[in-house]
Structures are given as C-alpha cells and as structure tokens.
Amino acid sequence: MSLNHHSWEEITDKDEIAKILDDINNQPLEFAPQQEVDIHGETVEKFVELVLDCGWAFISDESSLYDFGLIDDVTKLEAKIKEVFGVDVSDIEDKNLLKIFERIDSSKPLI
C-alpha cells in the first residue's frame, strides 16, 4: 500500500502503518533544485531577512509564498514585498518565489 493511493484515515492496520513509515524513513531526502533561485542571491537574502523576517529559509525554484503562510499571511507578504521592493506581485497566481524574484530583479534600474 502506498500513500499515493490512500489517505492516512483509510489505513487502520498498525503493521501497515509501520511498514509505510519504515519505507518513508528509508528514502533519501531530496531537495528541489535551486539553480534558478541562486541567480537572484542578493534579492533572496533581502527577501528572507526583510519580508519573511527570519534569519534563514530554504528556498527552491519551486517554493511559493504559500510555503511561508496561510492565505491571509500571503496577502500580508505581498504587501511587505511591495513595501520593501516597490513591486506589486499580487497578480502572480501561483505565488512562485522564483517568478517574484525575477519580477523584483527586472524592476531594478540597470547600472
């Protein structure tokens, strides 16, 4: 049995739960790629510090604002992004951080 096909509520056999947990624990942890996000390093650092207000966060190419808050929090994060970076990102439907960083960086004046 795999969790891809069943929810935890459907599994009642303790041995089956133990087997699933054992299978999960024996799988290597794989992080999503960061190659694209890494291009925006300075923006990411400023975003983590000033928007997320934390010292560190793992952000991948697939991360979104939803990874850092509930729907109400996302609206507040969008407002904070506008305050810090002067960029409106509310129209980015999936709230993907890579798209947000690309928008922020494309709005910066070229030197």
C-alpha atoms as a PDB file:
ATOM      1  CA  MET A   1       0.000   0.000   0.000  1.00  0.00           C
ATOM      2  CA  SER A   2       1.246   3.454  -0.825  1.00  0.00           C
ATOM      3  CA  LEU A   3       0.169   6.828   0.493  1.00  0.00           C
ATOM      4  CA  ASN A   4      -0.113   7.933  -3.106  1.00  0.00           C
ATOM      5  CA  HIS A   5      -3.263   5.847  -3.334  1.00  0.00           C
ATOM      6  CA  HIS A   6      -4.697   6.032   0.177  1.00  0.00           C
ATOM      7  CA  SER A   7      -5.052   8.595   2.904  1.00  0.00           C
ATOM      8  CA  TRP A   8      -3.913   8.004   6.480  1.00  0.00           C
ATOM      9  CA  GLU A   9      -7.562   7.784   7.565  1.00  0.00           C
ATOM     10  CA  GLU A  10      -8.076   4.727   5.337  1.00  0.00           C
ATOM     11  CA  ILE A  11      -5.194   2.813   6.919  1.00  0.00           C
ATOM     12  CA  THR A  12      -6.249   1.056  10.093  1.00  0.00           C
ATOM     13  CA  ASP A  13      -3.755  -1.807  10.316  1.00  0.00           C
ATOM     14  CA  LYS A  14      -0.897  -0.790  12.643  1.00  0.00           C
ATOM     15  CA  ASP A  15       1.515  -3.134  10.861  1.00  0.00           C
ATOM     16  CA  GLU A  16       0.707  -1.482   7.537  1.00  0.00           C
ATOM     17  CA  ILE A  17       1.281   1.966   9.066  1.00  0.00           C
ATOM     18  CA  ALA A  18       4.615   0.791  10.478  1.00  0.00           C
ATOM     19  CA  LYS A  19       5.619  -0.562   7.047  1.00  0.00           C
ATOM     20  CA  ILE A  20       4.724   2.715   5.329  1.00  0.00           C
ATOM     21  CA  LEU A  21       6.660   4.741   7.904  1.00  0.00           C
ATOM     22  CA  ASP A  22       9.635   2.414   7.541  1.00  0.00           C
ATOM     23  CA  ASP A  23       9.507   2.852   3.748  1.00  0.00           C
ATOM     24  CA  ILE A  24       9.387   6.633   4.164  1.00  0.00           C
ATOM     25  CA  ASN A  25      12.271   6.646   6.635  1.00  0.00           C
ATOM     26  CA  ASN A  26      14.457   4.607   4.273  1.00  0.00           C
ATOM     27  CA  GLN A  27      14.050   7.023   1.366  1.00  0.00           C
ATOM     28  CA  PRO A  28      16.753   9.625   0.785  1.00  0.00           C
ATOM     29  CA  LEU A  29      15.637  13.192   1.310  1.00  0.00           C
ATOM     30  CA  GLU A  30      15.693  15.094  -1.964  1.00  0.00           C
ATOM     31  CA  PHE A  31      15.514  18.858  -2.096  1.00  0.00           C
ATOM     32  CA  ALA A  32      14.012  20.653  -5.068  1.00  0.00           C
ATOM     33  CA  PRO A  33      16.555  22.361  -7.328  1.00  0.00           C
ATOM     34  CA  GLN A  34      17.790  25.866  -6.548  1.00  0.00           C
ATOM     35  CA  GLN A  35      19.737  26.727  -9.709  1.00  0.00           C
ATOM     36  CA  GLU A  36      17.369  29.455 -10.897  1.00  0.00           C
ATOM     37  CA  VAL A  37      16.799  30.934  -7.441  1.00  0.00           C
ATOM     38  CA  ASP A  38      20.557  31.070  -6.856  1.00  0.00           C
ATOM     39  CA  ILE A  39      20.834  33.574  -9.719  1.00  0.00           C
ATOM     40  CA  HIS A  40      18.863  36.021  -7.545  1.00  0.00           C
ATOM     41  CA  GLY A  41      21.068  35.582  -4.452  1.00  0.00           C
ATOM     42  CA  GLU A  42      21.091  39.183  -3.208  1.00  0.00           C
ATOM     43  CA  THR A  43      17.328  39.532  -3.681  1.00  0.00           C
ATOM     44  CA  VAL A  44      16.708  36.199  -1.929  1.00  0.00           C
ATOM     45  CA  GLU A  45      18.823  37.256   1.069  1.00  0.00           C
ATOM     46  CA  LYS A  46      16.988  40.573   1.360  1.00  0.00           C
ATOM     47  CA  PHE A  47      13.624  38.801   0.914  1.00  0.00           C
ATOM     48  CA  VAL A  48      14.334  36.298   3.696  1.00  0.00           C
ATOM     49  CA  GLU A  49      15.550  38.994   6.072  1.00  0.00           C
ATOM     50  CA  LEU A  50      13.071  41.807   5.382  1.00  0.00           C
ATOM     51  CA  VAL A  51       9.934  40.087   4.067  1.00  0.00           C
ATOM     52  CA  LEU A  52       9.949  36.740   5.856  1.00  0.00           C
ATOM     53  CA  ASP A  53      11.645  38.336   8.881  1.00  0.00           C
ATOM     54  CA  CYS A  54      13.785  35.303   9.610  1.00  0.00           C
ATOM     55  CA  GLY A  55      17.477  34.544   9.627  1.00  0.00           C
ATOM     56  CA  TRP A  56      17.373  31.613   7.215  1.00  0.00           C
ATOM     57  CA  ALA A  57      14.986  29.808   4.875  1.00  0.00           C
ATOM     58  CA  PHE A  58      15.385  27.066   2.291  1.00  0.00           C
ATOM     59  CA  ILE A  59      14.015  28.425  -0.972  1.00  0.00           C
ATOM     60  CA  SER A  60      13.958  26.299  -4.107  1.00  0.00           C
ATOM     61  CA  ASP A  61      12.915  27.010  -7.674  1.00  0.00           C
ATOM     62  CA  GLU A  62       9.515  25.553  -6.723  1.00  0.00           C
ATOM     63  CA  SER A  63       8.933  27.493  -3.473  1.00  0.00           C
ATOM     64  CA  SER A  64       5.947  29.793  -3.158  1.00  0.00           C
ATOM     65  CA  LEU A  65       4.611  32.341  -0.705  1.00  0.00           C
ATOM     66  CA  TYR A  66       2.171  29.630   0.413  1.00  0.00           C
ATOM     67  CA  ASP A  67       5.145  27.740   1.882  1.00  0.00           C
ATOM     68  CA  PHE A  68       5.551  30.559   4.391  1.00  0.00           C
ATOM     69  CA  GLY A  69       1.997  31.338   5.435  1.00  0.00           C
ATOM     70  CA  LEU A  70      -1.705  30.824   5.122  1.00  0.00           C
ATOM     71  CA  ILE A  71      -3.814  32.717   2.583  1.00  0.00           C
ATOM     72  CA  ASP A  72      -4.224  35.738   4.901  1.00  0.00           C
ATOM     73  CA  ASP A  73      -0.473  35.715   5.542  1.00  0.00           C
ATOM     74  CA  VAL A  74       0.238  35.622   1.800  1.00  0.00           C
ATOM     75  CA  THR A  75      -1.675  38.877   1.324  1.00  0.00           C
ATOM     76  CA  LYS A  76       0.437  40.428   4.089  1.00  0.00           C
ATOM     77  CA  LEU A  77       3.622  39.064   2.494  1.00  0.00           C
ATOM     78  CA  GLU A  78       2.612  40.594  -0.849  1.00  0.00           C
ATOM     79  CA  ALA A  79       2.132  43.949   0.877  1.00  0.00           C
ATOM     80  CA  LYS A  80       5.530  43.603   2.553  1.00  0.00           C
ATOM     81  CA  ILE A  81       7.158  42.803  -0.821  1.00  0.00           C
ATOM     82  CA  LYS A  82       5.631  45.978  -2.260  1.00  0.00           C
ATOM     83  CA  GLU A  83       6.853  47.979   0.742  1.00  0.00           C
ATOM     84  CA  VAL A  84      10.410  46.580   0.661  1.00  0.00           C
ATOM     85  CA  PHE A  85      10.989  46.220  -3.086  1.00  0.00           C
ATOM     86  CA  GLY A  86       8.405  48.605  -4.550  1.00  0.00           C
ATOM     87  CA  VAL A  87       6.993  45.819  -6.721  1.00  0.00           C
ATOM     88  CA  ASP A  88       3.416  44.517  -6.905  1.00  0.00           C
ATOM     89  CA  VAL A  89       3.380  40.718  -7.166  1.00  0.00           C
ATOM     90  CA  SER A  90      -0.289  40.117  -6.354  1.00  0.00           C
ATOM     91  CA  ASP A  91      -1.011  39.091  -9.962  1.00  0.00           C
ATOM     92  CA  ILE A  92       1.403  36.138  -9.823  1.00  0.00           C
ATOM     93  CA  GLU A  93      -1.260  33.477  -9.355  1.00  0.00           C
ATOM     94  CA  ASP A  94       0.841  30.567  -8.110  1.00  0.00           C
ATOM     95  CA  LYS A  95       2.894  32.892  -5.832  1.00  0.00           C
ATOM     96  CA  ASN A  96       6.083  31.160  -7.040  1.00  0.00           C
ATOM     97  CA  LEU A  97       9.077  32.835  -5.419  1.00  0.00           C
ATOM     98  CA  LEU A  98      11.299  32.442  -8.483  1.00  0.00           C
ATOM     99  CA  LYS A  99       8.768  34.444 -10.527  1.00  0.00           C
ATOM    100  CA  ILE A 100       8.616  37.009  -7.722  1.00  0.00           C
ATOM    101  CA  PHE A 101      12.426  37.328  -7.607  1.00  0.00           C
ATOM    102  CA  GLU A 102      12.542  37.670 -11.398  1.00  0.00           C
ATOM    103  CA  ARG A 103       9.985  40.481 -11.222  1.00  0.00           C
ATOM    104  CA  ILE A 104      11.863  42.237  -8.425  1.00  0.00           C
ATOM    105  CA  ASP A 105      15.187  41.989 -10.226  1.00  0.00           C
ATOM    106  CA  SER A 106      13.742  43.072 -13.577  1.00  0.00           C
ATOM    107  CA  SER A 107      12.360  46.213 -11.923  1.00  0.00           C
ATOM    108  CA  LYS A 108      15.795  47.300 -10.692  1.00  0.00           C
ATOM    109  CA  PRO A 109      17.453  50.037 -12.723  1.00  0.00           C
ATOM    110  CA  LEU A 110      20.393  48.868 -14.812  1.00  0.00           C
ATOM    111  CA  ILE A 111      23.733  50.279 -13.701  1.00  0.00           C
END
